[in-house]
PDB file of N, CA and C in Angstrom:
ATOM      1  N   MET A   1     -13.540   5.723   2.869  1.00  0.00           N
ATOM      2  CA  MET A   1     -14.850   6.335   2.870  1.00  0.00           C
ATOM      3  C   MET A   1     -14.777   7.743   3.458  1.00  0.00           C
ATOM      4  N   VAL A   2     -13.908   7.936   4.434  1.00  0.00           N
ATOM      5  CA  VAL A   2     -13.782   9.245   5.061  1.00  0.00           C
ATOM      6  C   VAL A   2     -13.218  10.263   4.075  1.00  0.00           C
ATOM      7  N   ALA A   3     -12.264   9.846   3.254  1.00  0.00           N
ATOM      8  CA  ALA A   3     -11.577  10.765   2.348  1.00  0.00           C
ATOM      9  C   ALA A   3     -12.233  10.884   0.984  1.00  0.00           C
ATOM     10  N   ALA A   4     -13.264  10.134   0.715  1.00  0.00           N
ATOM     11  CA  ALA A   4     -13.830  10.086  -0.636  1.00  0.00           C
ATOM     12  C   ALA A   4     -14.328  11.431  -1.132  1.00  0.00           C
ATOM     13  N   SER A   5     -14.818  12.280  -0.265  1.00  0.00           N
ATOM     14  CA  SER A   5     -15.376  13.550  -0.713  1.00  0.00           C
ATOM     15  C   SER A   5     -14.440  14.730  -0.478  1.00  0.00           C
ATOM     16  N   HIS A   6     -13.220  14.482  -0.069  1.00  0.00           N
ATOM     17  CA  HIS A   6     -12.285  15.563   0.237  1.00  0.00           C
ATOM     18  C   HIS A   6     -11.239  15.732  -0.859  1.00  0.00           C
ATOM     19  N   GLN A   7     -10.660  16.899  -0.902  1.00  0.00           N
ATOM     20  CA  GLN A   7      -9.650  17.227  -1.893  1.00  0.00           C
ATOM     21  C   GLN A   7      -8.355  16.440  -1.653  1.00  0.00           C
ATOM     22  N   TRP A   8      -8.056  16.082  -0.420  1.00  0.00           N
ATOM     23  CA  TRP A   8      -6.800  15.419  -0.067  1.00  0.00           C
ATOM     24  C   TRP A   8      -6.862  13.904  -0.226  1.00  0.00           C
ATOM     25  N   ARG A   9      -7.890  13.379  -0.870  1.00  0.00           N
ATOM     26  CA  ARG A   9      -8.033  11.930  -1.001  1.00  0.00           C
ATOM     27  C   ARG A   9      -6.907  11.310  -1.822  1.00  0.00           C
ATOM     28  N   ALA A  10      -6.271  12.071  -2.701  1.00  0.00           N
ATOM     29  CA  ALA A  10      -5.171  11.534  -3.500  1.00  0.00           C
ATOM     30  C   ALA A  10      -3.940  11.257  -2.646  1.00  0.00           C
ATOM     31  N   LEU A  11      -3.856  11.884  -1.470  1.00  0.00           N
ATOM     32  CA  LEU A  11      -2.708  11.688  -0.585  1.00  0.00           C
ATOM     33  C   LEU A  11      -2.876  10.519   0.381  1.00  0.00           C
ATOM     34  N   VAL A  12      -4.049   9.938   0.432  1.00  0.00           N
ATOM     35  CA  VAL A  12      -4.319   8.828   1.357  1.00  0.00           C
ATOM     36  C   VAL A  12      -3.356   7.652   1.143  1.00  0.00           C
ATOM     37  N   PRO A  13      -3.089   7.218  -0.096  1.00  0.00           N
ATOM     38  CA  PRO A  13      -2.150   6.099  -0.267  1.00  0.00           C
ATOM     39  C   PRO A  13      -0.757   6.385   0.280  1.00  0.00           C
ATOM     40  N   LEU A  14      -0.283   7.616   0.150  1.00  0.00           N
ATOM     41  CA  LEU A  14       1.043   7.939   0.683  1.00  0.00           C
ATOM     42  C   LEU A  14       1.047   7.920   2.208  1.00  0.00           C
ATOM     43  N   ALA A  15      -0.019   8.398   2.811  1.00  0.00           N
ATOM     44  CA  ALA A  15      -0.112   8.362   4.272  1.00  0.00           C
ATOM     45  C   ALA A  15      -0.241   6.926   4.781  1.00  0.00           C
ATOM     46  N   PHE A  16      -0.819   6.058   3.980  1.00  0.00           N
ATOM     47  CA  PHE A  16      -1.017   4.665   4.375  1.00  0.00           C
ATOM     48  C   PHE A  16       0.295   3.888   4.406  1.00  0.00           C
ATOM     49  N   THR A  17       1.350   4.425   3.819  1.00  0.00           N
ATOM     50  CA  THR A  17       2.643   3.729   3.845  1.00  0.00           C
ATOM     51  C   THR A  17       3.161   3.556   5.271  1.00  0.00           C
ATOM     52  N   ILE A  18       2.737   4.406   6.182  1.00  0.00           N
ATOM     53  CA  ILE A  18       3.124   4.243   7.588  1.00  0.00           C
ATOM     54  C   ILE A  18       2.524   2.947   8.143  1.00  0.00           C
ATOM     55  N   VAL A  19       1.275   2.681   7.807  1.00  0.00           N
ATOM     56  CA  VAL A  19       0.635   1.431   8.232  1.00  0.00           C
ATOM     57  C   VAL A  19       1.363   0.234   7.610  1.00  0.00           C
ATOM     58  N   LEU A  20       1.732   0.358   6.337  1.00  0.00           N
ATOM     59  CA  LEU A  20       2.445  -0.735   5.668  1.00  0.00           C
ATOM     60  C   LEU A  20       3.802  -0.983   6.301  1.00  0.00           C
ATOM     61  N   LEU A  21       4.483   0.064   6.733  1.00  0.00           N
ATOM     62  CA  LEU A  21       5.762  -0.089   7.424  1.00  0.00           C
ATOM     63  C   LEU A  21       5.578  -0.849   8.735  1.00  0.00           C
ATOM     64  N   ILE A  22       4.542  -0.516   9.475  1.00  0.00           N
ATOM     65  CA  ILE A  22       4.270  -1.205  10.745  1.00  0.00           C
ATOM     66  C   ILE A  22       3.950  -2.677  10.497  1.00  0.00           C
ATOM     67  N   ILE A  23       3.168  -2.960   9.457  1.00  0.00           N
ATOM     68  CA  ILE A  23       2.849  -4.349   9.119  1.00  0.00           C
ATOM     69  C   ILE A  23       4.115  -5.122   8.793  1.00  0.00           C
ATOM     70  N   ALA A  24       5.006  -4.518   8.004  1.00  0.00           N
ATOM     71  CA  ALA A  24       6.255  -5.185   7.643  1.00  0.00           C
ATOM     72  C   ALA A  24       7.137  -5.405   8.867  1.00  0.00           C
ATOM     73  N   LEU A  25       7.178  -4.438   9.767  1.00  0.00           N
ATOM     74  CA  LEU A  25       7.990  -4.581  10.981  1.00  0.00           C
ATOM     75  C   LEU A  25       7.477  -5.707  11.875  1.00  0.00           C
ATOM     76  N   LEU A  26       6.167  -5.815  11.991  1.00  0.00           N
ATOM     77  CA  LEU A  26       5.582  -6.793  12.904  1.00  0.00           C
ATOM     78  C   LEU A  26       5.479  -8.197  12.304  1.00  0.00           C
ATOM     79  N   PHE A  27       5.109  -8.295  11.027  1.00  0.00           N
ATOM     80  CA  PHE A  27       4.755  -9.590  10.467  1.00  0.00           C
ATOM     81  C   PHE A  27       5.668 -10.084   9.349  1.00  0.00           C
ATOM     82  N   GLY A  28       6.594  -9.254   8.901  1.00  0.00           N
ATOM     83  CA  GLY A  28       7.545  -9.705   7.892  1.00  0.00           C
ATOM     84  C   GLY A  28       7.264  -9.177   6.494  1.00  0.00           C
ATOM     85  N   SER A  29       8.162  -9.530   5.597  1.00  0.00           N
ATOM     86  CA  SER A  29       8.105  -8.968   4.250  1.00  0.00           C
ATOM     87  C   SER A  29       6.915  -9.487   3.446  1.00  0.00           C
ATOM     88  N   ARG A  30       6.560 -10.740   3.598  1.00  0.00           N
ATOM     89  CA  ARG A  30       5.422 -11.266   2.829  1.00  0.00           C
ATOM     90  C   ARG A  30       4.132 -10.555   3.185  1.00  0.00           C
ATOM     91  N   ALA A  31       3.907 -10.331   4.467  1.00  0.00           N
ATOM     92  CA  ALA A  31       2.699  -9.621   4.895  1.00  0.00           C
ATOM     93  C   ALA A  31       2.725  -8.176   4.421  1.00  0.00           C
ATOM     94  N   GLY A  32       3.893  -7.550   4.432  1.00  0.00           N
ATOM     95  CA  GLY A  32       4.005  -6.176   3.948  1.00  0.00           C
ATOM     96  C   GLY A  32       3.708  -6.061   2.469  1.00  0.00           C
ATOM     97  N   ILE A  33       4.223  -6.998   1.684  1.00  0.00           N
ATOM     98  CA  ILE A  33       3.980  -6.976   0.240  1.00  0.00           C
ATOM     99  C   ILE A  33       2.512  -7.265  -0.057  1.00  0.00           C
ATOM    100  N   LEU A  34       1.965  -8.268   0.588  1.00  0.00           N
ATOM    101  CA  LEU A  34       0.553  -8.597   0.389  1.00  0.00           C
ATOM    102  C   LEU A  34      -0.341  -7.436   0.808  1.00  0.00           C
ATOM    103  N   GLY A  35      -0.025  -6.817   1.939  1.00  0.00           N
ATOM    104  CA  GLY A  35      -0.793  -5.657   2.393  1.00  0.00           C
ATOM    105  C   GLY A  35      -0.698  -4.485   1.432  1.00  0.00           C
ATOM    106  N   THR A  36       0.466  -4.282   0.851  1.00  0.00           N
ATOM    107  CA  THR A  36       0.654  -3.200  -0.111  1.00  0.00           C
ATOM    108  C   THR A  36      -0.192  -3.413  -1.361  1.00  0.00           C
ATOM    109  N   VAL A  37      -0.152  -4.618  -1.896  1.00  0.00           N
ATOM    110  CA  VAL A  37      -0.912  -4.909  -3.115  1.00  0.00           C
ATOM    111  C   VAL A  37      -2.414  -4.837  -2.847  1.00  0.00           C
ATOM    112  N   LEU A  38      -2.853  -5.395  -1.722  1.00  0.00           N
ATOM    113  CA  LEU A  38      -4.281  -5.339  -1.388  1.00  0.00           C
ATOM    114  C   LEU A  38      -4.748  -3.908  -1.148  1.00  0.00           C
ATOM    115  N   ALA A  39      -3.941  -3.118  -0.451  1.00  0.00           N
ATOM    116  CA  ALA A  39      -4.313  -1.728  -0.186  1.00  0.00           C
ATOM    117  C   ALA A  39      -4.400  -0.930  -1.479  1.00  0.00           C
ATOM    118  N   ALA A  40      -3.454  -1.128  -2.388  1.00  0.00           N
ATOM    119  CA  ALA A  40      -3.487  -0.413  -3.663  1.00  0.00           C
ATOM    120  C   ALA A  40      -4.730  -0.788  -4.467  1.00  0.00           C
ATOM    121  N   THR A  41      -5.084  -2.058  -4.450  1.00  0.00           N
ATOM    122  CA  THR A  41      -6.278  -2.499  -5.165  1.00  0.00           C
ATOM    123  C   THR A  41      -7.546  -1.916  -4.551  1.00  0.00           C
ATOM    124  N   ILE A  42      -7.629  -1.930  -3.242  1.00  0.00           N
ATOM    125  CA  ILE A  42      -8.805  -1.394  -2.555  1.00  0.00           C
ATOM    126  C   ILE A  42      -8.925   0.110  -2.778  1.00  0.00           C
ATOM    127  N   PHE A  43      -7.803   0.832  -2.666  1.00  0.00           N
ATOM    128  CA  PHE A  43      -7.849   2.271  -2.915  1.00  0.00           C
ATOM    129  C   PHE A  43      -8.268   2.565  -4.348  1.00  0.00           C
ATOM    130  N   ALA A  44      -7.733   1.832  -5.299  1.00  0.00           N
ATOM    131  CA  ALA A  44      -8.072   2.068  -6.703  1.00  0.00           C
ATOM    132  C   ALA A  44      -9.547   1.791  -6.972  1.00  0.00           C
ATOM    133  N   MET A  45     -10.088   0.760  -6.342  1.00  0.00           N
ATOM    134  CA  MET A  45     -11.480   0.384  -6.620  1.00  0.00           C
ATOM    135  C   MET A  45     -12.504   1.240  -5.885  1.00  0.00           C
ATOM    136  N   PHE A  46     -12.195   1.656  -4.657  1.00  0.00           N
ATOM    137  CA  PHE A  46     -13.222   2.288  -3.828  1.00  0.00           C
ATOM    138  C   PHE A  46     -12.964   3.748  -3.481  1.00  0.00           C
ATOM    139  N   LEU A  47     -11.800   4.287  -3.813  1.00  0.00           N
ATOM    140  CA  LEU A  47     -11.500   5.668  -3.442  1.00  0.00           C
ATOM    141  C   LEU A  47     -11.458   6.592  -4.650  1.00  0.00           C
ATOM    142  N   PHE A  48     -10.978   6.093  -5.769  1.00  0.00           N
ATOM    143  CA  PHE A  48     -10.769   6.936  -6.941  1.00  0.00           C
ATOM    144  C   PHE A  48     -11.733   6.582  -8.062  1.00  0.00           C
ATOM    145  N   GLN A  49     -12.040   7.583  -8.890  1.00  0.00           N
ATOM    146  CA  GLN A  49     -12.938   7.391 -10.025  1.00  0.00           C
ATOM    147  C   GLN A  49     -12.235   6.620 -11.130  1.00  0.00           C
ATOM    148  N   PRO A  50     -12.862   5.769 -11.860  1.00  0.00           N
ATOM    149  CA  PRO A  50     -14.225   5.261 -11.726  1.00  0.00           C
ATOM    150  C   PRO A  50     -14.301   4.218 -10.605  1.00  0.00           C
ATOM    151  N   LEU A  51     -15.288   4.358  -9.756  1.00  0.00           N
ATOM    152  CA  LEU A  51     -15.459   3.447  -8.625  1.00  0.00           C
ATOM    153  C   LEU A  51     -15.783   2.046  -9.125  1.00  0.00           C
ATOM    154  N   GLY A  52     -15.246   1.052  -8.465  1.00  0.00           N
ATOM    155  CA  GLY A  52     -15.492  -0.333  -8.827  1.00  0.00           C
ATOM    156  C   GLY A  52     -14.537  -0.875  -9.877  1.00  0.00           C
ATOM    157  N   SER A  53     -13.596  -0.082 -10.310  1.00  0.00           N
ATOM    158  CA  SER A  53     -12.627  -0.506 -11.314  1.00  0.00           C
ATOM    159  C   SER A  53     -11.221  -0.210 -10.806  1.00  0.00           C
ATOM    160  N   VAL A  54     -10.268  -1.025 -11.205  1.00  0.00           N
ATOM    161  CA  VAL A  54      -8.893  -0.781 -10.752  1.00  0.00           C
ATOM    162  C   VAL A  54      -8.203   0.303 -11.574  1.00  0.00           C
ATOM    163  N   SER A  55      -8.815   0.744 -12.653  1.00  0.00           N
ATOM    164  CA  SER A  55      -8.237   1.849 -13.406  1.00  0.00           C
ATOM    165  C   SER A  55      -8.542   3.161 -12.684  1.00  0.00           C
ATOM    166  N   VAL A  56      -7.569   4.066 -12.674  1.00  0.00           N
ATOM    167  CA  VAL A  56      -7.703   5.347 -11.988  1.00  0.00           C
ATOM    168  C   VAL A  56      -7.556   6.456 -13.024  1.00  0.00           C
ATOM    169  N   MET A  57      -8.517   7.367 -13.074  1.00  0.00           N
ATOM    170  CA  MET A  57      -8.511   8.417 -14.086  1.00  0.00           C
ATOM    171  C   MET A  57      -7.591   9.573 -13.729  1.00  0.00           C
ATOM    172  N   ASP A  58      -7.526   9.938 -12.458  1.00  0.00           N
ATOM    173  CA  ASP A  58      -6.748  11.090 -12.008  1.00  0.00           C
ATOM    174  C   ASP A  58      -5.257  10.760 -12.013  1.00  0.00           C
ATOM    175  N   ASN A  59      -4.468  11.583 -12.698  1.00  0.00           N
ATOM    176  CA  ASN A  59      -3.031  11.323 -12.803  1.00  0.00           C
ATOM    177  C   ASN A  59      -2.312  11.405 -11.462  1.00  0.00           C
ATOM    178  N   SER A  60      -2.666  12.363 -10.614  1.00  0.00           N
ATOM    179  CA  SER A  60      -1.991  12.475  -9.322  1.00  0.00           C
ATOM    180  C   SER A  60      -2.341  11.294  -8.422  1.00  0.00           C
ATOM    181  N   ALA A  61      -3.580  10.838  -8.463  1.00  0.00           N
ATOM    182  CA  ALA A  61      -3.974   9.671  -7.669  1.00  0.00           C
ATOM    183  C   ALA A  61      -3.245   8.425  -8.167  1.00  0.00           C
ATOM    184  N   ARG A  62      -3.147   8.279  -9.479  1.00  0.00           N
ATOM    185  CA  ARG A  62      -2.433   7.139 -10.060  1.00  0.00           C
ATOM    186  C   ARG A  62      -0.955   7.167  -9.664  1.00  0.00           C
ATOM    187  N   SER A  63      -0.377   8.350  -9.689  1.00  0.00           N
ATOM    188  CA  SER A  63       1.020   8.500  -9.295  1.00  0.00           C
ATOM    189  C   SER A  63       1.220   8.159  -7.819  1.00  0.00           C
ATOM    190  N   ASN A  64       0.314   8.617  -6.966  1.00  0.00           N
ATOM    191  CA  ASN A  64       0.429   8.313  -5.534  1.00  0.00           C
ATOM    192  C   ASN A  64       0.233   6.832  -5.255  1.00  0.00           C
ATOM    193  N   LEU A  65      -0.630   6.168  -5.999  1.00  0.00           N
ATOM    194  CA  LEU A  65      -0.776   4.720  -5.853  1.00  0.00           C
ATOM    195  C   LEU A  65       0.510   4.001  -6.264  1.00  0.00           C
ATOM    196  N   ALA A  66       1.130   4.469  -7.333  1.00  0.00           N
ATOM    197  CA  ALA A  66       2.389   3.859  -7.766  1.00  0.00           C
ATOM    198  C   ALA A  66       3.484   4.074  -6.735  1.00  0.00           C
ATOM    199  N   TRP A  67       3.544   5.262  -6.162  1.00  0.00           N
ATOM    200  CA  TRP A  67       4.539   5.516  -5.113  1.00  0.00           C
ATOM    201  C   TRP A  67       4.264   4.655  -3.882  1.00  0.00           C
ATOM    202  N   MET A  68       2.978   4.485  -3.532  1.00  0.00           N
ATOM    203  CA  MET A  68       2.651   3.629  -2.395  1.00  0.00           C
ATOM    204  C   MET A  68       3.113   2.199  -2.648  1.00  0.00           C
ATOM    205  N   LEU A  69       2.909   1.701  -3.854  1.00  0.00           N
ATOM    206  CA  LEU A  69       3.366   0.351  -4.189  1.00  0.00           C
ATOM    207  C   LEU A  69       4.889   0.258  -4.083  1.00  0.00           C
ATOM    208  N   LEU A  70       5.584   1.218  -4.642  1.00  0.00           N
ATOM    209  CA  LEU A  70       7.050   1.203  -4.606  1.00  0.00           C
ATOM    210  C   LEU A  70       7.578   1.293  -3.181  1.00  0.00           C
ATOM    211  N   ILE A  71       7.056   2.238  -2.423  1.00  0.00           N
ATOM    212  CA  ILE A  71       7.518   2.421  -1.042  1.00  0.00           C
ATOM    213  C   ILE A  71       7.124   1.233  -0.173  1.00  0.00           C
ATOM    214  N   GLY A  72       5.901   0.731  -0.331  1.00  0.00           N
ATOM    215  CA  GLY A  72       5.438  -0.389   0.493  1.00  0.00           C
ATOM    216  C   GLY A  72       6.248  -1.650   0.275  1.00  0.00           C
ATOM    217  N   VAL A  73       6.528  -1.974  -0.980  1.00  0.00           N
ATOM    218  CA  VAL A  73       7.330  -3.171  -1.265  1.00  0.00           C
ATOM    219  C   VAL A  73       8.763  -2.969  -0.794  1.00  0.00           C
ATOM    220  N   SER A  74       9.307  -1.781  -1.005  1.00  0.00           N
ATOM    221  CA  SER A  74      10.676  -1.506  -0.551  1.00  0.00           C
ATOM    222  C   SER A  74      10.788  -1.585   0.963  1.00  0.00           C
ATOM    223  N   PHE A  75       9.845  -0.945   1.663  1.00  0.00           N
ATOM    224  CA  PHE A  75       9.847  -1.002   3.125  1.00  0.00           C
ATOM    225  C   PHE A  75       9.696  -2.434   3.623  1.00  0.00           C
ATOM    226  N   SER A  76       8.912  -3.224   2.907  1.00  0.00           N
ATOM    227  CA  SER A  76       8.710  -4.610   3.331  1.00  0.00           C
ATOM    228  C   SER A  76      10.023  -5.388   3.316  1.00  0.00           C
ATOM    229  N   PHE A  77      10.840  -5.144   2.327  1.00  0.00           N
ATOM    230  CA  PHE A  77      12.136  -5.827   2.272  1.00  0.00           C
ATOM    231  C   PHE A  77      13.165  -5.202   3.206  1.00  0.00           C
ATOM    232  N   LEU A  78      13.148  -3.882   3.344  1.00  0.00           N
ATOM    233  CA  LEU A  78      14.168  -3.206   4.135  1.00  0.00           C
ATOM    234  C   LEU A  78      13.946  -3.316   5.636  1.00  0.00           C
ATOM    235  N   PHE A  79      12.702  -3.243   6.077  1.00  0.00           N
ATOM    236  CA  PHE A  79      12.436  -3.147   7.507  1.00  0.00           C
ATOM    237  C   PHE A  79      11.800  -4.386   8.119  1.00  0.00           C
ATOM    238  N   ALA A  80      11.632  -5.430   7.370  1.00  0.00           N
ATOM    239  CA  ALA A  80      11.071  -6.669   7.921  1.00  0.00           C
ATOM    240  C   ALA A  80      12.091  -7.298   8.861  1.00  0.00           C
ATOM    241  N   PRO A  81      11.624  -7.952   9.900  1.00  0.00           N
ATOM    242  CA  PRO A  81      12.559  -8.614  10.803  1.00  0.00           C
ATOM    243  C   PRO A  81      13.277  -9.750  10.078  1.00  0.00           C
ATOM    244  N   PRO A  82      14.496 -10.034  10.486  1.00  0.00           N
ATOM    245  CA  PRO A  82      15.222 -11.125   9.837  1.00  0.00           C
ATOM    246  C   PRO A  82      14.522 -12.459  10.081  1.00  0.00           C
ATOM    247  N   PRO A  83      14.633 -13.373   9.145  1.00  0.00           N
ATOM    248  CA  PRO A  83      13.991 -14.686   9.337  1.00  0.00           C
ATOM    249  C   PRO A  83      14.629 -15.422  10.519  1.00  0.00           C
ATOM    250  N   SER A  84      13.861 -16.306  11.093  1.00  0.00           N
ATOM    251  CA  SER A  84      14.376 -17.066  12.224  1.00  0.00           C
ATOM    252  C   SER A  84      15.472 -18.017  11.752  1.00  0.00           C
ATOM    253  N   GLY A  85      16.241 -18.523  12.680  1.00  0.00           N
ATOM    254  CA  GLY A  85      17.345 -19.413  12.342  1.00  0.00           C
ATOM    255  C   GLY A  85      16.922 -20.796  11.930  1.00  0.00           C
ATOM    256  N   LEU A  86      15.651 -21.119  12.068  1.00  0.00           N
ATOM    257  CA  LEU A  86      15.165 -22.445  11.727  1.00  0.00           C
ATOM    258  C   LEU A  86      14.721 -22.476  10.270  1.00  0.00           C
ATOM    259  N   HIS A  87      15.538 -23.001   9.419  1.00  0.00           N
ATOM    260  CA  HIS A  87      15.214 -23.120   7.999  1.00  0.00           C
ATOM    261  C   HIS A  87      15.239 -24.565   7.591  1.00  0.00           C
ATOM    262  N   ARG A  88      14.370 -24.906   6.668  1.00  0.00           N
ATOM    263  CA  ARG A  88      14.396 -26.248   6.089  1.00  0.00           C
ATOM    264  C   ARG A  88      15.341 -26.247   4.918  1.00  0.00           C
ATOM    265  N   HIS A  89      16.158 -27.253   4.827  1.00  0.00           N
ATOM    266  CA  HIS A  89      17.106 -27.336   3.712  1.00  0.00           C
ATOM    267  C   HIS A  89      16.678 -28.390   2.757  1.00  0.00           C
TER     268      HIS A  89
END
């Protein structure tokens, strides 16, 4: 909502990757991936035109959303803490 009327709103998804990295570090890869997908959906629906739809008209905004998805999922796998030693076989 803060960035909706500003010129730099297309960069918000890229800046949000820092939050996604922290989520992956603290809660693991599943939370990082889920957070990435949910954030991309929310940004597409409520930040970019047409509002209320997951389709994005602006090419730079669409590109930044795609980069956020790629970076968020990658960070989730790369920086998530290792699983605990207790596994069910």
